[in-house]
Amino acid sequence: MMKLLFAIGACALLGTAAVGCPAPPPADDAAKYELLYDLYHPFTDPAIMPGADWNRIPFSPETAALVQRWQDQIEGPMDELNSFGWLCQCQDWSAETFTFDMVETSADGAVIRVDSGWGDAQITRFDLVEFDGKWLVDNITNASFPDGLKWALRNEIAK
């Protein structure tokens, strides 16, 4: 929570658009905001090189098991799921122009709008589950996963 308060404070002082900061969330969505902030903030800092999305996302136990099964069977350096970012299509992003914003929340999810600084903004829906007092990502739906990440993982595992 301290990270969240610091981030919101820094964004308030510097101006949200100037540093790619999302607008502060309503108080009841603060934990969801913090989870998503931790996922997307590295794209706004030129000193940070985010690692592979599948290694950074705190998944629900069910989704984590699917990711592990997928990773265990990868036979080469690339397959259908590890040739792109899962959080956004940000291969050529600029930290100076990258922005993200939580545009919608529900009891079990959140929607993020990401603008990598080129092309159109992207929308990603996160289905979240609360587990041991923390929000975890259960599924991701976006242009790369129109049927959801879990469907894509199951499909790739079945090949």
N, C-alpha and C. Protein backbone atom coordinates (compact mmCIF):
# COMPACT_ATOMS: atom_id res chain seq x y z
N MET A 1 0.83 -1.19 0.00
CA MET A 1 0.00 0.00 0.00
C MET A 1 0.87 1.26 0.00
N MET A 2 2.04 1.17 0.66
CA MET A 2 2.93 2.33 0.69
C MET A 2 3.37 2.70 -0.72
N LYS A 3 3.63 1.67 -1.55
CA LYS A 3 4.00 1.91 -2.95
C LYS A 3 2.92 2.70 -3.67
N LEU A 4 1.68 2.31 -3.43
CA LEU A 4 0.54 2.97 -4.07
C LEU A 4 0.47 4.42 -3.64
N LEU A 5 0.59 4.68 -2.34
CA LEU A 5 0.50 6.05 -1.85
C LEU A 5 1.65 6.90 -2.40
N PHE A 6 2.85 6.33 -2.45
CA PHE A 6 3.98 7.05 -3.01
C PHE A 6 3.74 7.36 -4.49
N ALA A 7 3.27 6.36 -5.23
CA ALA A 7 3.03 6.55 -6.66
C ALA A 7 1.98 7.61 -6.91
N ILE A 8 0.89 7.56 -6.16
CA ILE A 8 -0.17 8.56 -6.32
C ILE A 8 0.36 9.93 -5.95
N GLY A 9 1.15 10.01 -4.88
CA GLY A 9 1.72 11.29 -4.48
C GLY A 9 2.67 11.84 -5.52
N ALA A 10 3.54 10.99 -6.06
CA ALA A 10 4.47 11.43 -7.10
C ALA A 10 3.72 11.88 -8.34
N CYS A 11 2.69 11.14 -8.70
CA CYS A 11 1.91 11.52 -9.87
C CYS A 11 1.19 12.84 -9.64
N ALA A 12 0.69 13.05 -8.44
CA ALA A 12 -0.02 14.29 -8.15
C ALA A 12 0.94 15.48 -8.22
N LEU A 13 2.15 15.30 -7.72
CA LEU A 13 3.13 16.39 -7.75
C LEU A 13 3.62 16.69 -9.16
N LEU A 14 3.86 15.66 -9.94
CA LEU A 14 4.45 15.84 -11.26
C LEU A 14 3.43 16.01 -12.37
N GLY A 15 2.20 15.65 -12.10
CA GLY A 15 1.16 15.72 -13.14
C GLY A 15 1.03 14.38 -13.83
N THR A 16 -0.17 13.85 -13.88
CA THR A 16 -0.36 12.49 -14.38
C THR A 16 0.06 12.32 -15.82
N ALA A 17 -0.26 13.21 -16.70
CA ALA A 17 0.08 13.04 -18.11
C ALA A 17 1.58 13.12 -18.34
N ALA A 18 2.26 13.94 -17.54
CA ALA A 18 3.69 14.15 -17.75
C ALA A 18 4.51 12.90 -17.47
N VAL A 19 4.05 12.04 -16.58
CA VAL A 19 4.85 10.87 -16.22
C VAL A 19 4.13 9.57 -16.48
N GLY A 20 3.06 9.58 -17.23
CA GLY A 20 2.35 8.35 -17.57
C GLY A 20 1.56 7.75 -16.45
N CYS A 21 1.23 8.54 -15.45
CA CYS A 21 0.52 8.02 -14.29
C CYS A 21 -0.97 7.95 -14.54
N PRO A 22 -1.59 6.87 -14.10
CA PRO A 22 -3.04 6.80 -14.21
C PRO A 22 -3.70 7.66 -13.14
N ALA A 23 -4.95 7.97 -13.34
CA ALA A 23 -5.70 8.72 -12.34
C ALA A 23 -5.85 7.86 -11.09
N PRO A 24 -5.86 8.47 -9.91
CA PRO A 24 -6.02 7.70 -8.67
C PRO A 24 -7.37 6.98 -8.66
N PRO A 25 -7.42 5.80 -8.06
CA PRO A 25 -8.66 5.03 -8.04
C PRO A 25 -9.56 5.45 -6.90
N PRO A 26 -10.83 5.06 -6.97
CA PRO A 26 -11.68 5.20 -5.80
C PRO A 26 -11.08 4.35 -4.68
N ALA A 27 -11.33 4.71 -3.44
CA ALA A 27 -10.71 4.02 -2.30
C ALA A 27 -10.98 2.52 -2.31
N ASP A 28 -12.19 2.10 -2.68
CA ASP A 28 -12.50 0.67 -2.64
C ASP A 28 -11.82 -0.13 -3.76
N ASP A 29 -11.23 0.53 -4.72
CA ASP A 29 -10.51 -0.15 -5.80
C ASP A 29 -9.00 -0.03 -5.66
N ALA A 30 -8.53 0.47 -4.53
CA ALA A 30 -7.10 0.74 -4.37
C ALA A 30 -6.24 -0.51 -4.53
N ALA A 31 -6.68 -1.65 -4.01
CA ALA A 31 -5.88 -2.88 -4.12
C ALA A 31 -5.80 -3.35 -5.57
N LYS A 32 -6.88 -3.22 -6.32
CA LYS A 32 -6.85 -3.59 -7.74
C LYS A 32 -5.92 -2.64 -8.49
N TYR A 33 -6.02 -1.37 -8.18
CA TYR A 33 -5.17 -0.36 -8.80
C TYR A 33 -3.70 -0.67 -8.54
N GLU A 34 -3.38 -1.01 -7.30
CA GLU A 34 -1.99 -1.28 -6.96
C GLU A 34 -1.45 -2.48 -7.75
N LEU A 35 -2.24 -3.52 -7.87
CA LEU A 35 -1.84 -4.69 -8.66
C LEU A 35 -1.54 -4.28 -10.10
N LEU A 36 -2.45 -3.56 -10.71
CA LEU A 36 -2.28 -3.18 -12.12
C LEU A 36 -1.19 -2.12 -12.30
N TYR A 37 -1.06 -1.23 -11.32
CA TYR A 37 0.04 -0.26 -11.35
C TYR A 37 1.38 -1.00 -11.37
N ASP A 38 1.52 -2.02 -10.52
CA ASP A 38 2.78 -2.77 -10.47
C ASP A 38 3.08 -3.45 -11.81
N LEU A 39 2.04 -3.85 -12.53
CA LEU A 39 2.25 -4.51 -13.82
C LEU A 39 2.65 -3.52 -14.92
N TYR A 40 2.03 -2.35 -14.92
CA TYR A 40 2.22 -1.41 -16.04
C TYR A 40 3.25 -0.32 -15.77
N HIS A 41 3.52 0.02 -14.53
CA HIS A 41 4.45 1.11 -14.24
C HIS A 41 5.84 0.90 -14.85
N PRO A 42 6.39 -0.32 -14.87
CA PRO A 42 7.72 -0.47 -15.47
C PRO A 42 7.83 0.04 -16.90
N PHE A 43 6.73 0.05 -17.63
CA PHE A 43 6.76 0.56 -19.01
C PHE A 43 6.93 2.09 -19.05
N THR A 44 6.72 2.77 -17.92
CA THR A 44 6.83 4.23 -17.89
C THR A 44 8.19 4.71 -17.41
N ASP A 45 9.07 3.79 -17.06
CA ASP A 45 10.38 4.14 -16.53
C ASP A 45 11.46 3.63 -17.47
N PRO A 46 12.20 4.53 -18.13
CA PRO A 46 13.21 4.08 -19.09
C PRO A 46 14.34 3.28 -18.45
N ALA A 47 14.49 3.36 -17.13
CA ALA A 47 15.55 2.63 -16.44
C ALA A 47 15.17 1.17 -16.16
N ILE A 48 13.90 0.84 -16.34
CA ILE A 48 13.43 -0.52 -16.06
C ILE A 48 13.16 -1.23 -17.38
N MET A 49 13.65 -2.43 -17.50
CA MET A 49 13.32 -3.26 -18.66
C MET A 49 12.44 -4.40 -18.15
N PRO A 50 11.12 -4.29 -18.38
CA PRO A 50 10.23 -5.33 -17.87
C PRO A 50 10.58 -6.69 -18.47
N GLY A 51 10.53 -7.70 -17.63
CA GLY A 51 10.77 -9.06 -18.11
C GLY A 51 9.54 -9.61 -18.81
N ALA A 52 9.59 -10.89 -19.12
CA ALA A 52 8.46 -11.55 -19.78
C ALA A 52 7.21 -11.42 -18.91
N ASP A 53 6.12 -11.01 -19.54
CA ASP A 53 4.88 -10.76 -18.81
C ASP A 53 4.46 -11.97 -17.99
N TRP A 54 4.56 -13.17 -18.55
CA TRP A 54 4.09 -14.37 -17.86
C TRP A 54 4.89 -14.66 -16.60
N ASN A 55 6.08 -14.07 -16.46
CA ASN A 55 6.86 -14.23 -15.23
C ASN A 55 6.61 -13.12 -14.23
N ARG A 56 5.91 -12.07 -14.62
CA ARG A 56 5.69 -10.91 -13.76
C ARG A 56 4.28 -10.83 -13.20
N ILE A 57 3.34 -11.48 -13.84
CA ILE A 57 1.94 -11.33 -13.46
C ILE A 57 1.62 -12.27 -12.29
N PRO A 58 1.05 -11.74 -11.21
CA PRO A 58 0.63 -12.61 -10.10
C PRO A 58 -0.70 -13.29 -10.46
N PHE A 59 -0.60 -14.54 -10.89
CA PHE A 59 -1.77 -15.27 -11.36
C PHE A 59 -2.48 -15.99 -10.22
N SER A 60 -3.76 -16.26 -10.44
CA SER A 60 -4.51 -17.12 -9.54
C SER A 60 -3.88 -18.52 -9.61
N PRO A 61 -4.12 -19.35 -8.58
CA PRO A 61 -3.54 -20.70 -8.63
C PRO A 61 -3.90 -21.47 -9.89
N GLU A 62 -5.15 -21.39 -10.33
CA GLU A 62 -5.58 -22.12 -11.53
C GLU A 62 -4.82 -21.64 -12.77
N THR A 63 -4.72 -20.33 -12.93
CA THR A 63 -4.04 -19.79 -14.11
C THR A 63 -2.54 -20.02 -14.01
N ALA A 64 -1.98 -19.90 -12.81
CA ALA A 64 -0.54 -20.17 -12.63
C ALA A 64 -0.22 -21.61 -13.03
N ALA A 65 -1.11 -22.55 -12.71
CA ALA A 65 -0.89 -23.95 -13.09
C ALA A 65 -0.92 -24.11 -14.61
N LEU A 66 -1.82 -23.40 -15.28
CA LEU A 66 -1.87 -23.44 -16.75
C LEU A 66 -0.60 -22.86 -17.36
N VAL A 67 -0.14 -21.73 -16.82
CA VAL A 67 1.09 -21.10 -17.32
C VAL A 67 2.26 -22.07 -17.14
N GLN A 68 2.33 -22.73 -15.99
CA GLN A 68 3.42 -23.67 -15.74
C GLN A 68 3.37 -24.85 -16.71
N ARG A 69 2.18 -25.40 -16.94
CA ARG A 69 2.04 -26.51 -17.91
C ARG A 69 2.48 -26.06 -19.30
N TRP A 70 2.09 -24.84 -19.69
CA TRP A 70 2.50 -24.30 -20.98
C TRP A 70 4.02 -24.17 -21.05
N GLN A 71 4.63 -23.58 -20.01
CA GLN A 71 6.08 -23.39 -20.01
C GLN A 71 6.82 -24.73 -20.03
N ASP A 72 6.27 -25.72 -19.35
CA ASP A 72 6.93 -27.03 -19.29
C ASP A 72 6.98 -27.72 -20.65
N GLN A 73 6.09 -27.38 -21.55
CA GLN A 73 6.05 -28.09 -22.84
C GLN A 73 6.61 -27.28 -24.01
N ILE A 74 7.05 -26.06 -23.78
CA ILE A 74 7.63 -25.27 -24.87
C ILE A 74 8.87 -25.99 -25.39
N GLU A 75 8.90 -26.23 -26.69
CA GLU A 75 10.00 -26.99 -27.28
C GLU A 75 11.04 -26.13 -27.98
N GLY A 76 10.74 -24.91 -28.24
CA GLY A 76 11.69 -24.04 -28.93
C GLY A 76 11.68 -22.67 -28.28
N PRO A 77 12.42 -21.74 -28.86
CA PRO A 77 12.47 -20.41 -28.27
C PRO A 77 11.16 -19.64 -28.42
N MET A 78 10.35 -19.98 -29.42
CA MET A 78 9.11 -19.24 -29.66
C MET A 78 7.97 -20.21 -29.89
N ASP A 79 6.80 -19.81 -29.44
CA ASP A 79 5.57 -20.52 -29.78
C ASP A 79 4.48 -19.48 -29.96
N GLU A 80 3.25 -19.92 -30.02
CA GLU A 80 2.13 -19.00 -30.27
C GLU A 80 1.92 -17.99 -29.15
N LEU A 81 2.41 -18.27 -27.94
CA LEU A 81 2.11 -17.39 -26.81
C LEU A 81 3.28 -16.56 -26.30
N ASN A 82 4.49 -16.94 -26.61
CA ASN A 82 5.61 -16.17 -26.06
C ASN A 82 6.28 -15.27 -27.08
N SER A 83 5.62 -15.03 -28.19
CA SER A 83 6.20 -14.17 -29.22
C SER A 83 5.67 -12.73 -29.14
N PHE A 84 4.93 -12.43 -28.07
CA PHE A 84 4.36 -11.08 -27.90
C PHE A 84 4.11 -10.84 -26.42
N GLY A 85 3.87 -9.57 -26.07
CA GLY A 85 3.56 -9.23 -24.70
C GLY A 85 2.11 -9.56 -24.36
N TRP A 86 1.88 -10.05 -23.17
CA TRP A 86 0.52 -10.39 -22.74
C TRP A 86 -0.22 -9.18 -22.18
N LEU A 87 0.51 -8.20 -21.67
CA LEU A 87 -0.13 -7.03 -21.07
C LEU A 87 -0.51 -5.99 -22.11
N CYS A 88 0.29 -5.87 -23.14
CA CYS A 88 0.00 -4.92 -24.21
C CYS A 88 0.95 -5.21 -25.36
N GLN A 89 0.63 -4.70 -26.51
CA GLN A 89 1.54 -4.80 -27.66
C GLN A 89 2.49 -3.61 -27.57
N CYS A 90 3.51 -3.76 -26.76
CA CYS A 90 4.38 -2.64 -26.40
C CYS A 90 5.82 -2.87 -26.84
N GLN A 91 6.04 -3.60 -27.90
CA GLN A 91 7.40 -3.89 -28.33
C GLN A 91 8.21 -2.63 -28.57
N ASP A 92 7.59 -1.61 -29.12
CA ASP A 92 8.31 -0.39 -29.48
C ASP A 92 7.84 0.81 -28.67
N TRP A 93 7.54 0.59 -27.41
CA TRP A 93 7.01 1.67 -26.61
C TRP A 93 8.10 2.67 -26.23
N SER A 94 7.67 3.85 -25.90
CA SER A 94 8.55 4.89 -25.38
C SER A 94 8.11 5.18 -23.95
N ALA A 95 9.01 5.03 -23.01
CA ALA A 95 8.65 5.26 -21.61
C ALA A 95 8.14 6.69 -21.40
N GLU A 96 8.62 7.61 -22.19
CA GLU A 96 8.21 9.01 -22.03
C GLU A 96 6.76 9.25 -22.45
N THR A 97 6.25 8.46 -23.36
CA THR A 97 4.88 8.68 -23.84
C THR A 97 3.91 7.57 -23.43
N PHE A 98 4.39 6.53 -22.79
CA PHE A 98 3.54 5.41 -22.39
C PHE A 98 2.61 5.85 -21.26
N THR A 99 1.32 5.58 -21.41
CA THR A 99 0.36 5.88 -20.35
C THR A 99 -0.59 4.70 -20.18
N PHE A 100 -1.15 4.59 -18.99
CA PHE A 100 -2.15 3.57 -18.72
C PHE A 100 -3.13 4.14 -17.71
N ASP A 101 -4.34 3.63 -17.77
CA ASP A 101 -5.38 4.14 -16.88
C ASP A 101 -6.39 3.04 -16.62
N MET A 102 -6.79 2.89 -15.37
CA MET A 102 -7.85 1.95 -15.03
C MET A 102 -9.16 2.66 -15.34
N VAL A 103 -9.87 2.20 -16.35
CA VAL A 103 -11.06 2.92 -16.83
C VAL A 103 -12.36 2.34 -16.31
N GLU A 104 -12.31 1.15 -15.74
CA GLU A 104 -13.53 0.53 -15.24
C GLU A 104 -13.16 -0.54 -14.22
N THR A 105 -13.99 -0.69 -13.20
CA THR A 105 -13.81 -1.79 -12.26
C THR A 105 -15.16 -2.44 -12.01
N SER A 106 -15.09 -3.67 -11.58
CA SER A 106 -16.28 -4.40 -11.16
C SER A 106 -15.89 -5.20 -9.93
N ALA A 107 -16.81 -5.96 -9.42
CA ALA A 107 -16.53 -6.74 -8.21
C ALA A 107 -15.37 -7.71 -8.42
N ASP A 108 -15.20 -8.20 -9.64
CA ASP A 108 -14.16 -9.19 -9.89
C ASP A 108 -13.30 -8.87 -11.11
N GLY A 109 -13.10 -7.59 -11.38
CA GLY A 109 -12.28 -7.27 -12.53
C GLY A 109 -11.95 -5.81 -12.67
N ALA A 110 -11.18 -5.53 -13.69
CA ALA A 110 -10.81 -4.15 -14.01
C ALA A 110 -10.47 -4.09 -15.49
N VAL A 111 -10.67 -2.91 -16.06
CA VAL A 111 -10.33 -2.67 -17.46
C VAL A 111 -9.27 -1.58 -17.49
N ILE A 112 -8.21 -1.84 -18.24
CA ILE A 112 -7.10 -0.91 -18.37
C ILE A 112 -7.04 -0.42 -19.81
N ARG A 113 -6.80 0.87 -19.97
CA ARG A 113 -6.53 1.43 -21.30
C ARG A 113 -5.03 1.76 -21.33
N VAL A 114 -4.35 1.24 -22.34
CA VAL A 114 -2.91 1.43 -22.48
C VAL A 114 -2.64 2.18 -23.78
N ASP A 115 -1.83 3.21 -23.68
CA ASP A 115 -1.38 3.94 -24.86
C ASP A 115 0.14 3.88 -24.86
N SER A 116 0.70 3.12 -25.79
CA SER A 116 2.14 2.93 -25.83
C SER A 116 2.87 4.09 -26.50
N GLY A 117 2.12 5.08 -26.94
CA GLY A 117 2.74 6.24 -27.57
C GLY A 117 2.75 6.17 -29.07
N TRP A 118 2.26 5.10 -29.64
CA TRP A 118 2.15 4.96 -31.10
C TRP A 118 0.89 4.15 -31.38
N GLY A 119 0.23 4.45 -32.43
CA GLY A 119 -0.99 3.70 -32.77
C GLY A 119 -2.13 4.01 -31.82
N ASP A 120 -3.13 3.16 -31.88
CA ASP A 120 -4.32 3.34 -31.05
C ASP A 120 -4.11 2.80 -29.65
N ALA A 121 -4.82 3.38 -28.70
CA ALA A 121 -4.81 2.86 -27.34
C ALA A 121 -5.42 1.46 -27.35
N GLN A 122 -4.98 0.62 -26.43
CA GLN A 122 -5.45 -0.75 -26.34
C GLN A 122 -6.25 -0.93 -25.05
N ILE A 123 -7.24 -1.78 -25.10
CA ILE A 123 -8.06 -2.07 -23.93
C ILE A 123 -7.79 -3.51 -23.50
N THR A 124 -7.56 -3.70 -22.22
CA THR A 124 -7.35 -5.03 -21.66
C THR A 124 -8.26 -5.21 -20.46
N ARG A 125 -8.97 -6.32 -20.44
CA ARG A 125 -9.84 -6.67 -19.31
C ARG A 125 -9.14 -7.72 -18.47
N PHE A 126 -9.08 -7.47 -17.17
CA PHE A 126 -8.51 -8.42 -16.22
C PHE A 126 -9.64 -8.99 -15.38
N ASP A 127 -9.77 -10.32 -15.37
CA ASP A 127 -10.65 -10.98 -14.41
C ASP A 127 -9.78 -11.28 -13.21
N LEU A 128 -10.20 -10.79 -12.05
CA LEU A 128 -9.40 -10.90 -10.84
C LEU A 128 -10.10 -11.78 -9.81
N VAL A 129 -9.31 -12.45 -9.00
CA VAL A 129 -9.84 -13.21 -7.87
C VAL A 129 -9.06 -12.79 -6.63
N GLU A 130 -9.76 -12.77 -5.53
CA GLU A 130 -9.09 -12.47 -4.27
C GLU A 130 -8.65 -13.79 -3.66
N PHE A 131 -7.38 -13.87 -3.30
CA PHE A 131 -6.81 -15.09 -2.76
C PHE A 131 -5.85 -14.72 -1.65
N ASP A 132 -6.07 -15.24 -0.46
CA ASP A 132 -5.24 -14.92 0.70
C ASP A 132 -5.11 -13.41 0.90
N GLY A 133 -6.21 -12.70 0.69
CA GLY A 133 -6.25 -11.26 0.93
C GLY A 133 -5.61 -10.40 -0.15
N LYS A 134 -5.22 -11.01 -1.28
CA LYS A 134 -4.61 -10.24 -2.37
C LYS A 134 -5.37 -10.50 -3.66
N TRP A 135 -5.42 -9.49 -4.52
CA TRP A 135 -6.01 -9.66 -5.85
C TRP A 135 -4.99 -10.32 -6.76
N LEU A 136 -5.45 -11.34 -7.49
CA LEU A 136 -4.61 -12.05 -8.45
C LEU A 136 -5.31 -12.08 -9.81
N VAL A 137 -4.54 -12.17 -10.85
CA VAL A 137 -5.08 -12.20 -12.21
C VAL A 137 -5.53 -13.62 -12.54
N ASP A 138 -6.81 -13.76 -12.86
CA ASP A 138 -7.36 -15.07 -13.23
C ASP A 138 -7.44 -15.22 -14.74
N ASN A 139 -7.69 -14.12 -15.45
CA ASN A 139 -7.78 -14.19 -16.91
C ASN A 139 -7.52 -12.80 -17.48
N ILE A 140 -7.05 -12.77 -18.71
CA ILE A 140 -6.79 -11.53 -19.43
C ILE A 140 -7.48 -11.63 -20.78
N THR A 141 -8.22 -10.60 -21.14
CA THR A 141 -8.86 -10.55 -22.45
C THR A 141 -8.46 -9.23 -23.12
N ASN A 142 -7.89 -9.34 -24.32
CA ASN A 142 -7.50 -8.16 -25.09
C ASN A 142 -7.41 -8.55 -26.56
N ALA A 143 -6.86 -7.70 -27.39
CA ALA A 143 -6.77 -8.01 -28.82
C ALA A 143 -5.95 -9.27 -29.08
N SER A 144 -4.95 -9.53 -28.25
CA SER A 144 -4.13 -10.73 -28.42
C SER A 144 -4.84 -11.98 -27.92
N PHE A 145 -5.72 -11.81 -26.95
CA PHE A 145 -6.47 -12.92 -26.36
C PHE A 145 -7.96 -12.63 -26.39
N PRO A 146 -8.57 -12.59 -27.57
CA PRO A 146 -9.99 -12.24 -27.63
C PRO A 146 -10.89 -13.23 -26.90
N ASP A 147 -10.44 -14.49 -26.78
CA ASP A 147 -11.19 -15.50 -26.04
C ASP A 147 -10.63 -15.70 -24.64
N GLY A 148 -9.66 -14.90 -24.27
CA GLY A 148 -9.06 -14.97 -22.94
C GLY A 148 -7.76 -15.75 -22.93
N LEU A 149 -6.90 -15.37 -22.01
CA LEU A 149 -5.60 -16.03 -21.84
C LEU A 149 -5.77 -17.50 -21.49
N LYS A 150 -6.70 -17.81 -20.60
CA LYS A 150 -6.86 -19.21 -20.18
C LYS A 150 -7.23 -20.09 -21.37
N TRP A 151 -8.10 -19.60 -22.24
CA TRP A 151 -8.45 -20.36 -23.44
C TRP A 151 -7.21 -20.55 -24.31
N ALA A 152 -6.43 -19.49 -24.49
CA ALA A 152 -5.23 -19.58 -25.32
C ALA A 152 -4.22 -20.56 -24.74
N LEU A 153 -4.06 -20.55 -23.42
CA LEU A 153 -3.14 -21.50 -22.77
C LEU A 153 -3.62 -22.93 -22.97
N ARG A 154 -4.90 -23.17 -22.72
CA ARG A 154 -5.44 -24.53 -22.90
C ARG A 154 -5.29 -24.99 -24.35
N ASN A 155 -5.52 -24.09 -25.27
CA ASN A 155 -5.39 -24.41 -26.69
C ASN A 155 -3.95 -24.76 -27.04
N GLU A 156 -3.01 -23.99 -26.54
CA GLU A 156 -1.59 -24.24 -26.83
C GLU A 156 -1.13 -25.54 -26.17
N ILE A 157 -1.58 -25.80 -24.95
CA ILE A 157 -1.21 -27.03 -24.24
C ILE A 157 -1.73 -28.26 -24.99
N ALA A 158 -2.91 -28.14 -25.58
CA ALA A 158 -3.55 -29.28 -26.27
C ALA A 158 -2.87 -29.63 -27.59
N LYS A 159 -2.03 -28.76 -28.11
CA LYS A 159 -1.38 -29.02 -29.42
C LYS A 159 -0.39 -30.17 -29.33
